[in-house]
C-alpha atoms as a PDB file:
ATOM      1  CA  UNK A   1     -18.267 -16.960  25.589  1.00  0.00           C
ATOM      2  CA  UNK A   2     -19.184 -17.087  29.599  1.00  0.00           C
ATOM      3  CA  UNK A   3     -20.026 -14.223  31.276  1.00  0.00           C
ATOM      4  CA  UNK A   4     -17.010 -14.271  33.210  1.00  0.00           C
ATOM      5  CA  UNK A   5     -15.022 -13.549  29.874  1.00  0.00           C
ATOM      6  CA  UNK A   6     -17.676 -10.967  28.971  1.00  0.00           C
ATOM      7  CA  UNK A   7     -17.133  -9.273  32.194  1.00  0.00           C
ATOM      8  CA  UNK A   8     -13.296  -9.299  31.817  1.00  0.00           C
ATOM      9  CA  UNK A   9     -14.066  -7.739  28.665  1.00  0.00           C
ATOM     10  CA  UNK A  10     -16.501  -4.994  30.015  1.00  0.00           C
ATOM     11  CA  UNK A  11     -15.532  -3.972  33.445  1.00  0.00           C
ATOM     12  CA  UNK A  12     -17.687  -1.394  33.828  1.00  0.00           C
ATOM     13  CA  UNK A  13     -21.571  -1.010  32.816  1.00  0.00           C
ATOM     14  CA  UNK A  14     -24.576   0.360  33.626  1.00  0.00           C
ATOM     15  CA  UNK A  15     -27.438  -2.025  33.820  1.00  0.00           C
ATOM     16  CA  UNK A  16     -31.023  -1.645  33.092  1.00  0.00           C
ATOM     17  CA  UNK A  17     -32.194  -3.030  36.021  1.00  0.00           C
ATOM     18  CA  UNK A  18     -36.535  -4.483  36.292  1.00  0.00           C
ATOM     19  CA  UNK A  19     -36.018  -6.471  39.087  1.00  0.00           C
ATOM     20  CA  UNK A  20     -37.266  -9.487  37.063  1.00  0.00           C
ATOM     21  CA  UNK A  21     -35.203 -12.691  37.007  1.00  0.00           C
ATOM     22  CA  UNK A  22     -33.210 -12.253  34.260  1.00  0.00           C
ATOM     23  CA  UNK A  23     -31.809  -8.850  34.880  1.00  0.00           C
ATOM     24  CA  UNK A  24     -31.579  -9.893  38.810  1.00  0.00           C
ATOM     25  CA  UNK A  25     -29.180 -12.883  37.446  1.00  0.00           C
ATOM     26  CA  UNK A  26     -27.308 -10.500  35.185  1.00  0.00           C
ATOM     27  CA  UNK A  27     -26.534  -7.977  38.076  1.00  0.00           C
ATOM     28  CA  UNK A  28     -25.309 -10.709  40.580  1.00  0.00           C
ATOM     29  CA  UNK A  29     -23.188 -12.250  37.872  1.00  0.00           C
ATOM     30  CA  UNK A  30     -21.741  -8.663  36.845  1.00  0.00           C
ATOM     31  CA  UNK A  31     -21.067  -7.979  40.765  1.00  0.00           C
ATOM     32  CA  UNK A  32     -19.014 -11.381  41.017  1.00  0.00           C
ATOM     33  CA  UNK A  33     -17.126 -10.938  37.806  1.00  0.00           C
ATOM     34  CA  UNK A  34     -15.753  -7.719  39.295  1.00  0.00           C
ATOM     35  CA  UNK A  35     -17.607  -5.362  37.008  1.00  0.00           C
ATOM     36  CA  UNK A  36     -18.227  -2.439  38.241  1.00  0.00           C
ATOM     37  CA  UNK A  37     -21.574  -1.882  37.848  1.00  0.00           C
ATOM     38  CA  UNK A  38     -24.570   0.396  38.331  1.00  0.00           C
ATOM     39  CA  UNK A  39     -28.194  -0.599  38.147  1.00  0.00           C
ATOM     40  CA  UNK A  40     -30.702   1.527  37.019  1.00  0.00           C
ATOM     41  CA  UNK A  41     -34.551   1.279  37.323  1.00  0.00           C
ATOM     42  CA  UNK A  42     -36.992   2.925  35.105  1.00  0.00           C
ATOM     43  CA  UNK A  43     -40.414   4.163  36.513  1.00  0.00           C
ATOM     44  CA  UNK A  44     -43.329   4.255  34.441  1.00  0.00           C
ATOM     45  CA  UNK A  45     -46.750   4.107  34.721  1.00  0.00           C
ATOM     46  CA  UNK A  46     -46.377   0.481  33.026  1.00  0.00           C
ATOM     47  CA  UNK A  47     -44.997  -0.964  36.376  1.00  0.00           C
ATOM     48  CA  UNK A  48     -46.141  -2.212  38.920  1.00  0.00           C
ATOM     49  CA  UNK A  49     -44.928  -0.992  42.625  1.00  0.00           C
ATOM     50  CA  UNK A  50     -44.441  -4.320  43.837  1.00  0.00           C
ATOM     51  CA  UNK A  51     -41.746  -4.327  40.797  1.00  0.00           C
ATOM     52  CA  UNK A  52     -39.535  -1.600  42.014  1.00  0.00           C
ATOM     53  CA  UNK A  53     -40.133  -2.857  45.414  1.00  0.00           C
ATOM     54  CA  UNK A  54     -38.204  -6.340  44.152  1.00  0.00           C
ATOM     55  CA  UNK A  55     -35.658  -4.553  42.390  1.00  0.00           C
ATOM     56  CA  UNK A  56     -34.551  -2.495  45.798  1.00  0.00           C
ATOM     57  CA  UNK A  57     -34.679  -5.849  47.592  1.00  0.00           C
ATOM     58  CA  UNK A  58     -32.407  -7.410  45.353  1.00  0.00           C
ATOM     59  CA  UNK A  59     -29.725  -4.550  44.971  1.00  0.00           C
ATOM     60  CA  UNK A  60     -29.777  -4.330  48.717  1.00  0.00           C
ATOM     61  CA  UNK A  61     -29.169  -8.021  48.716  1.00  0.00           C
ATOM     62  CA  UNK A  62     -26.087  -7.616  46.388  1.00  0.00           C
ATOM     63  CA  UNK A  63     -24.673  -4.494  47.677  1.00  0.00           C
ATOM     64  CA  UNK A  64     -25.239  -2.773  44.120  1.00  0.00           C
ATOM     65  CA  UNK A  65     -26.101   0.911  43.721  1.00  0.00           C
ATOM     66  CA  UNK A  66     -29.354   1.461  41.793  1.00  0.00           C
ATOM     67  CA  UNK A  67     -30.329   4.424  40.943  1.00  0.00           C
ATOM     68  CA  UNK A  68     -34.226   4.765  39.975  1.00  0.00           C
ATOM     69  CA  UNK A  69     -35.129   7.021  36.855  1.00  0.00           C
ATOM     70  CA  UNK A  70     -38.638   8.382  36.685  1.00  0.00           C
ATOM     71  CA  UNK A  71     -40.147   8.975  33.206  1.00  0.00           C
ATOM     72  CA  UNK A  72     -43.633   9.626  31.996  1.00  0.00           C
ATOM     73  CA  UNK A  73     -43.742   7.187  29.187  1.00  0.00           C
ATOM     74  CA  UNK A  74     -47.601   8.561  28.451  1.00  0.00           C
ATOM     75  CA  UNK A  75     -45.950  11.628  26.852  1.00  0.00           C
ATOM     76  CA  UNK A  76     -44.771   9.384  24.433  1.00  0.00           C
ATOM     77  CA  UNK A  77     -47.513   9.266  21.949  1.00  0.00           C
ATOM     78  CA  UNK A  78     -46.831   6.236  19.868  1.00  0.00           C
ATOM     79  CA  UNK A  79     -46.765   4.275  23.326  1.00  0.00           C
ATOM     80  CA  UNK A  80     -49.532   5.853  24.579  1.00  0.00           C
ATOM     81  CA  UNK A  81     -51.848   5.289  21.456  1.00  0.00           C
ATOM     82  CA  UNK A  82     -51.138   1.519  21.770  1.00  0.00           C
ATOM     83  CA  UNK A  83     -50.594   0.274  18.641  1.00  0.00           C
ATOM     84  CA  UNK A  84     -49.139  -3.094  16.821  1.00  0.00           C
ATOM     85  CA  UNK A  85     -45.658  -1.556  17.618  1.00  0.00           C
ATOM     86  CA  UNK A  86     -46.236   0.185  20.702  1.00  0.00           C
ATOM     87  CA  UNK A  87     -43.424  -2.052  22.432  1.00  0.00           C
ATOM     88  CA  UNK A  88     -40.844  -0.336  20.110  1.00  0.00           C
ATOM     89  CA  UNK A  89     -41.606   3.139  20.651  1.00  0.00           C
ATOM     90  CA  UNK A  90     -42.022   2.205  24.417  1.00  0.00           C
ATOM     91  CA  UNK A  91     -38.701   0.411  24.368  1.00  0.00           C
ATOM     92  CA  UNK A  92     -36.942   2.848  22.482  1.00  0.00           C
ATOM     93  CA  UNK A  93     -38.080   5.948  24.572  1.00  0.00           C
ATOM     94  CA  UNK A  94     -37.428   3.685  27.552  1.00  0.00           C
ATOM     95  CA  UNK A  95     -33.336   3.081  26.748  1.00  0.00           C
ATOM     96  CA  UNK A  96     -32.921   6.113  25.270  1.00  0.00           C
ATOM     97  CA  UNK A  97     -33.724   8.189  28.703  1.00  0.00           C
ATOM     98  CA  UNK A  98     -31.539   5.186  30.297  1.00  0.00           C
ATOM     99  CA  UNK A  99     -28.544   5.649  28.029  1.00  0.00           C
ATOM    100  CA  UNK A 100     -28.695   9.362  28.335  1.00  0.00           C
ATOM    101  CA  UNK A 101     -28.717   8.782  32.531  1.00  0.00           C
ATOM    102  CA  UNK A 102     -25.956   6.203  32.303  1.00  0.00           C
ATOM    103  CA  UNK A 103     -23.641   8.840  29.987  1.00  0.00           C
ATOM    104  CA  UNK A 104     -24.294  11.388  32.386  1.00  0.00           C
ATOM    105  CA  UNK A 105     -23.001   8.912  35.151  1.00  0.00           C
ATOM    106  CA  UNK A 106     -19.983   8.071  33.178  1.00  0.00           C
ATOM    107  CA  UNK A 107     -21.010   4.904  31.538  1.00  0.00           C
ATOM    108  CA  UNK A 108     -20.292   4.361  28.183  1.00  0.00           C
ATOM    109  CA  UNK A 109     -21.787   0.494  28.050  1.00  0.00           C
ATOM    110  CA  UNK A 110     -25.598   0.153  28.767  1.00  0.00           C
ATOM    111  CA  UNK A 111     -26.530  -3.558  29.540  1.00  0.00           C
ATOM    112  CA  UNK A 112     -30.170  -5.384  29.654  1.00  0.00           C
ATOM    113  CA  UNK A 113     -31.424  -8.689  30.805  1.00  0.00           C
ATOM    114  CA  UNK A 114     -32.754 -10.694  27.164  1.00  0.00           C
ATOM    115  CA  UNK A 115     -31.507 -13.744  27.746  1.00  0.00           C
ATOM    116  CA  UNK A 116     -31.114 -17.102  24.966  1.00  0.00           C
ATOM    117  CA  UNK A 117     -34.422 -18.192  25.196  1.00  0.00           C
ATOM    118  CA  UNK A 118     -35.849 -14.614  23.939  1.00  0.00           C
ATOM    119  CA  UNK A 119     -37.467 -14.988  20.428  1.00  0.00           C
ATOM    120  CA  UNK A 120     -36.347 -11.408  18.511  1.00  0.00           C
ATOM    121  CA  UNK A 121     -38.647 -12.295  15.820  1.00  0.00           C
ATOM    122  CA  UNK A 122     -41.991 -11.874  18.669  1.00  0.00           C
ATOM    123  CA  UNK A 123     -40.374  -9.219  20.637  1.00  0.00           C
ATOM    124  CA  UNK A 124     -40.620  -5.863  18.495  1.00  0.00           C
ATOM    125  CA  UNK A 125     -38.791  -4.029  21.732  1.00  0.00           C
ATOM    126  CA  UNK A 126     -35.427  -5.759  20.528  1.00  0.00           C
ATOM    127  CA  UNK A 127     -35.270  -4.023  17.606  1.00  0.00           C
ATOM    128  CA  UNK A 128     -34.609  -0.870  19.447  1.00  0.00           C
ATOM    129  CA  UNK A 129     -32.166  -2.559  21.759  1.00  0.00           C
ATOM    130  CA  UNK A 130     -30.022  -3.110  18.796  1.00  0.00           C
ATOM    131  CA  UNK A 131     -30.764   0.342  17.028  1.00  0.00           C
ATOM    132  CA  UNK A 132     -28.985   2.081  20.415  1.00  0.00           C
ATOM    133  CA  UNK A 133     -26.470  -0.791  20.755  1.00  0.00           C
ATOM    134  CA  UNK A 134     -27.752  -2.051  23.843  1.00  0.00           C
ATOM    135  CA  UNK A 135     -26.335  -5.456  24.905  1.00  0.00           C
ATOM    136  CA  UNK A 136     -27.768  -8.262  26.128  1.00  0.00           C
ATOM    137  CA  UNK A 137     -24.495 -10.446  27.837  1.00  0.00           C
ATOM    138  CA  UNK A 138     -27.235 -13.483  28.514  1.00  0.00           C
ATOM    139  CA  UNK A 139     -28.225 -13.976  24.927  1.00  0.00           C
ATOM    140  CA  UNK A 140     -24.433 -13.009  23.487  1.00  0.00           C
ATOM    141  CA  UNK A 141     -22.905 -15.675  26.146  1.00  0.00           C
ATOM    142  CA  UNK A 142     -26.167 -18.459  25.070  1.00  0.00           C
ATOM    143  CA  UNK A 143     -27.607 -18.297  28.882  1.00  0.00           C
ATOM    144  CA  UNK A 144     -31.179 -19.796  28.315  1.00  0.00           C
ATOM    145  CA  UNK A 145     -34.112 -18.920  30.937  1.00  0.00           C
ATOM    146  CA  UNK A 146     -34.009 -22.122  32.342  1.00  0.00           C
ATOM    147  CA  UNK A 147     -30.327 -21.744  33.097  1.00  0.00           C
ATOM    148  CA  UNK A 148     -30.713 -18.576  34.298  1.00  0.00           C
ATOM    149  CA  UNK A 149     -33.597 -19.869  37.093  1.00  0.00           C
ATOM    150  CA  UNK A 150     -31.426 -22.641  38.073  1.00  0.00           C
ATOM    151  CA  UNK A 151     -28.287 -20.614  38.193  1.00  0.00           C
ATOM    152  CA  UNK A 152     -30.311 -17.970  40.184  1.00  0.00           C
ATOM    153  CA  UNK A 153     -30.999 -20.363  42.835  1.00  0.00           C
ATOM    154  CA  UNK A 154     -27.487 -21.987  43.320  1.00  0.00           C
ATOM    155  CA  UNK A 155     -26.643 -17.785  43.949  1.00  0.00           C
ATOM    156  CA  UNK A 156     -29.495 -17.529  46.535  1.00  0.00           C
ATOM    157  CA  UNK A 157     -31.112 -15.083  44.384  1.00  0.00           C
ATOM    158  CA  UNK A 158     -35.073 -15.071  45.885  1.00  0.00           C
ATOM    159  CA  UNK A 159     -35.922 -14.184  42.000  1.00  0.00           C
ATOM    160  CA  UNK A 160     -35.045 -17.534  40.782  1.00  0.00           C
ATOM    161  CA  UNK A 161     -38.390 -18.887  40.314  1.00  0.00           C
ATOM    162  CA  UNK A 162     -40.056 -14.817  40.349  1.00  0.00           C
ATOM    163  CA  UNK A 163     -43.149 -15.625  37.502  1.00  0.00           C
ATOM    164  CA  UNK A 164     -42.522 -13.494  34.706  1.00  0.00           C
ATOM    165  CA  UNK A 165     -44.873 -10.549  34.424  1.00  0.00           C
ATOM    166  CA  UNK A 166     -45.885  -8.894  31.364  1.00  0.00           C
ATOM    167  CA  UNK A 167     -45.926  -4.491  31.555  1.00  0.00           C
ATOM    168  CA  UNK A 168     -49.451  -3.134  32.338  1.00  0.00           C
ATOM    169  CA  UNK A 169     -49.720  -1.912  28.800  1.00  0.00           C
ATOM    170  CA  UNK A 170     -50.558  -5.414  27.981  1.00  0.00           C
ATOM    171  CA  UNK A 171     -53.830  -5.541  29.914  1.00  0.00           C
ATOM    172  CA  UNK A 172     -55.112  -3.276  27.157  1.00  0.00           C
ATOM    173  CA  UNK A 173     -56.510  -4.182  24.090  1.00  0.00           C
ATOM    174  CA  UNK A 174     -54.317  -2.900  21.108  1.00  0.00           C
ATOM    175  CA  UNK A 175     -55.485   0.010  19.430  1.00  0.00           C
ATOM    176  CA  UNK A 176     -56.999   1.316  22.662  1.00  0.00           C
ATOM    177  CA  UNK A 177     -55.506   4.428  24.033  1.00  0.00           C
ATOM    178  CA  UNK A 178     -53.872   3.730  27.209  1.00  0.00           C
ATOM    179  CA  UNK A 179     -54.664   6.146  30.102  1.00  0.00           C
ATOM    180  CA  UNK A 180     -53.399   6.064  33.535  1.00  0.00           C
ATOM    181  CA  UNK A 181     -56.357   5.595  35.066  1.00  0.00           C
ATOM    182  CA  UNK A 182     -56.814   2.172  33.053  1.00  0.00           C
ATOM    183  CA  UNK A 183     -53.551   1.091  34.185  1.00  0.00           C
ATOM    184  CA  UNK A 184     -54.135   1.871  37.885  1.00  0.00           C
ATOM    185  CA  UNK A 185     -57.579  -0.001  37.808  1.00  0.00           C
ATOM    186  CA  UNK A 186     -55.702  -3.217  36.559  1.00  0.00           C
ATOM    187  CA  UNK A 187     -52.930  -2.824  38.718  1.00  0.00           C
ATOM    188  CA  UNK A 188     -55.257  -2.314  41.526  1.00  0.00           C
ATOM    189  CA  UNK A 189     -57.401  -5.407  40.457  1.00  0.00           C
ATOM    190  CA  UNK A 190     -54.293  -7.931  40.048  1.00  0.00           C
ATOM    191  CA  UNK A 191     -53.196  -7.049  42.933  1.00  0.00           C
ATOM    192  CA  UNK A 192     -56.425  -7.625  44.836  1.00  0.00           C
ATOM    193  CA  UNK A 193     -56.297 -11.052  43.169  1.00  0.00           C
ATOM    194  CA  UNK A 194     -52.851 -11.825  43.928  1.00  0.00           C
ATOM    195  CA  UNK A 195     -54.310 -11.331  47.910  1.00  0.00           C
ATOM    196  CA  UNK A 196     -56.514 -13.743  47.501  1.00  0.00           C
ATOM    197  CA  UNK A 197     -54.350 -16.790  46.372  1.00  0.00           C
ATOM    198  CA  UNK A 198     -54.125 -16.454  42.886  1.00  0.00           C
ATOM    199  CA  UNK A 199     -50.781 -16.615  41.035  1.00  0.00           C
ATOM    200  CA  UNK A 200     -51.234 -17.207  37.101  1.00  0.00           C
ATOM    201  CA  UNK A 201     -53.613 -14.669  35.427  1.00  0.00           C
ATOM    202  CA  UNK A 202     -54.448 -11.408  33.786  1.00  0.00           C
ATOM    203  CA  UNK A 203     -56.999  -8.787  34.169  1.00  0.00           C
ATOM    204  CA  UNK A 204     -57.435  -7.432  30.738  1.00  0.00           C
ATOM    205  CA  UNK A 205     -59.677  -4.482  30.273  1.00  0.00           C
ATOM    206  CA  UNK A 206     -62.823  -4.323  28.403  1.00  0.00           C
ATOM    207  CA  UNK A 207     -65.233  -1.947  27.041  1.00  0.00           C
ATOM    208  CA  UNK A 208     -66.917  -1.282  30.497  1.00  0.00           C
ATOM    209  CA  UNK A 209     -65.598  -3.777  32.442  1.00  0.00           C
ATOM    210  CA  UNK A 210     -62.576  -6.715  32.731  1.00  0.00           C
ATOM    211  CA  UNK A 211     -62.220 -10.287  31.634  1.00  0.00           C
ATOM    212  CA  UNK A 212     -60.568 -12.813  34.055  1.00  0.00           C
ATOM    213  CA  UNK A 213     -57.712 -15.083  32.536  1.00  0.00           C
ATOM    214  CA  UNK A 214     -56.365 -17.906  34.505  1.00  0.00           C
ATOM    215  CA  UNK A 215     -54.779 -21.044  33.800  1.00  0.00           C
ATOM    216  CA  UNK A 216     -56.924 -24.357  33.842  1.00  0.00           C
ATOM    217  CA  UNK A 217     -54.914 -25.257  37.433  1.00  0.00           C
ATOM    218  CA  UNK A 218     -56.209 -21.779  38.622  1.00  0.00           C
ATOM    219  CA  UNK A 219     -59.763 -22.265  37.290  1.00  0.00           C
ATOM    220  CA  UNK A 220     -60.817 -24.156  40.504  1.00  0.00           C
ATOM    221  CA  UNK A 221     -59.891 -21.567  42.681  1.00  0.00           C
ATOM    222  CA  UNK A 222     -61.906 -18.872  40.570  1.00  0.00           C
ATOM    223  CA  UNK A 223     -64.901 -20.767  41.559  1.00  0.00           C
ATOM    224  CA  UNK A 224     -64.135 -21.429  45.314  1.00  0.00           C
ATOM    225  CA  UNK A 225     -63.404 -17.850  45.541  1.00  0.00           C
ATOM    226  CA  UNK A 226     -66.147 -16.374  43.172  1.00  0.00           C
ATOM    227  CA  UNK A 227     -67.464 -14.118  45.517  1.00  0.00           C
ATOM    228  CA  UNK A 228     -64.442 -12.541  46.909  1.00  0.00           C
ATOM    229  CA  UNK A 229     -63.403 -12.150  43.467  1.00  0.00           C
ATOM    230  CA  UNK A 230     -66.439 -10.290  42.735  1.00  0.00           C
ATOM    231  CA  UNK A 231     -65.710  -8.043  45.839  1.00  0.00           C
ATOM    232  CA  UNK A 232     -62.476  -7.563  44.849  1.00  0.00           C
ATOM    233  CA  UNK A 233     -63.234  -6.478  41.273  1.00  0.00           C
ATOM    234  CA  UNK A 234     -66.446  -4.718  40.909  1.00  0.00           C
ATOM    235  CA  UNK A 235     -65.673  -1.773  42.787  1.00  0.00           C
ATOM    236  CA  UNK A 236     -62.869  -1.138  39.684  1.00  0.00           C
ATOM    237  CA  UNK A 237     -64.891  -2.719  36.763  1.00  0.00           C
ATOM    238  CA  UNK A 238     -68.808  -2.413  35.900  1.00  0.00           C
ATOM    239  CA  UNK A 239     -68.566  -6.142  34.080  1.00  0.00           C
ATOM    240  CA  UNK A 240     -66.165  -8.863  35.392  1.00  0.00           C
ATOM    241  CA  UNK A 241     -66.094 -11.865  33.224  1.00  0.00           C
ATOM    242  CA  UNK A 242     -64.387 -15.048  32.923  1.00  0.00           C
ATOM    243  CA  UNK A 243     -62.437 -16.241  29.751  1.00  0.00           C
ATOM    244  CA  UNK A 244     -63.458 -19.933  30.101  1.00  0.00           C
ATOM    245  CA  UNK A 245     -60.834 -21.260  26.942  1.00  0.00           C
ATOM    246  CA  UNK A 246     -58.347 -22.185  30.239  1.00  0.00           C
ATOM    247  CA  UNK A 247     -55.489 -21.153  27.813  1.00  0.00           C
ATOM    248  CA  UNK A 248     -51.855 -19.496  29.450  1.00  0.00           C
ATOM    249  CA  UNK A 249     -52.417 -16.012  30.126  1.00  0.00           C
ATOM    250  CA  UNK A 250     -49.027 -15.651  29.288  1.00  0.00           C
ATOM    251  CA  UNK A 251     -48.257 -13.656  32.360  1.00  0.00           C
ATOM    252  CA  UNK A 252     -47.765 -14.649  35.972  1.00  0.00           C
ATOM    253  CA  UNK A 253     -47.571 -12.896  39.397  1.00  0.00           C
ATOM    254  CA  UNK A 254     -46.616 -14.395  42.797  1.00  0.00           C
ATOM    255  CA  UNK A 255     -49.345 -14.049  45.357  1.00  0.00           C
ATOM    256  CA  UNK A 256     -48.866 -13.148  48.604  1.00  0.00           C
ATOM    257  CA  UNK A 257     -46.503  -9.967  48.219  1.00  0.00           C
END
């Protein structure tokens, strides 16, 4: 099945829109292939402000209506406890909220941007999507992440090369209860490093401080800007450690926002 065929069969739908590469392309495809689509961005403390800014920008670029739905995810105790199945409880709560809002607006089909490269075995949140009968057109049509980026570039979407960004909850060690204050410090720390030119990194909270993870390519920049990094992070964290393993931090953020 192609996306064009999918949207002929699903001519009206609500889309869970994060402002990331996948959901941005899916929004473009829905609009391009004639679907009456409404974008929904769910705002929680797990998302940094720049994600909402990107979502609003893309929706405006495509002339697609977007509704921002606010939710206090820390009221979901299983998510706030930050256990090994946090992602499942979080995703189920978020998409239950989105489905209710979409239904109130007259939409019976809810879509998300999961693509064919996403491994269901590594994403417990996908169990929640199946349970709530959320459809994933990119996955159903076999569209991979690489194809999403290539097609997004052809379509002129600014999100075509937007790095993946794991939610802020991942900055806090599993088993440590998540608080607003901890999430805010993680977001502030990462925004400060973005402004210093870092693009592949993670600020992980530790007891009393933070551990900075960067790729091997960005390691020289840490030493070059050591004093600036410390000046940016010390007001937020008692101690700042550097992870020297040089592995991929599994999260990227584009600097210069």
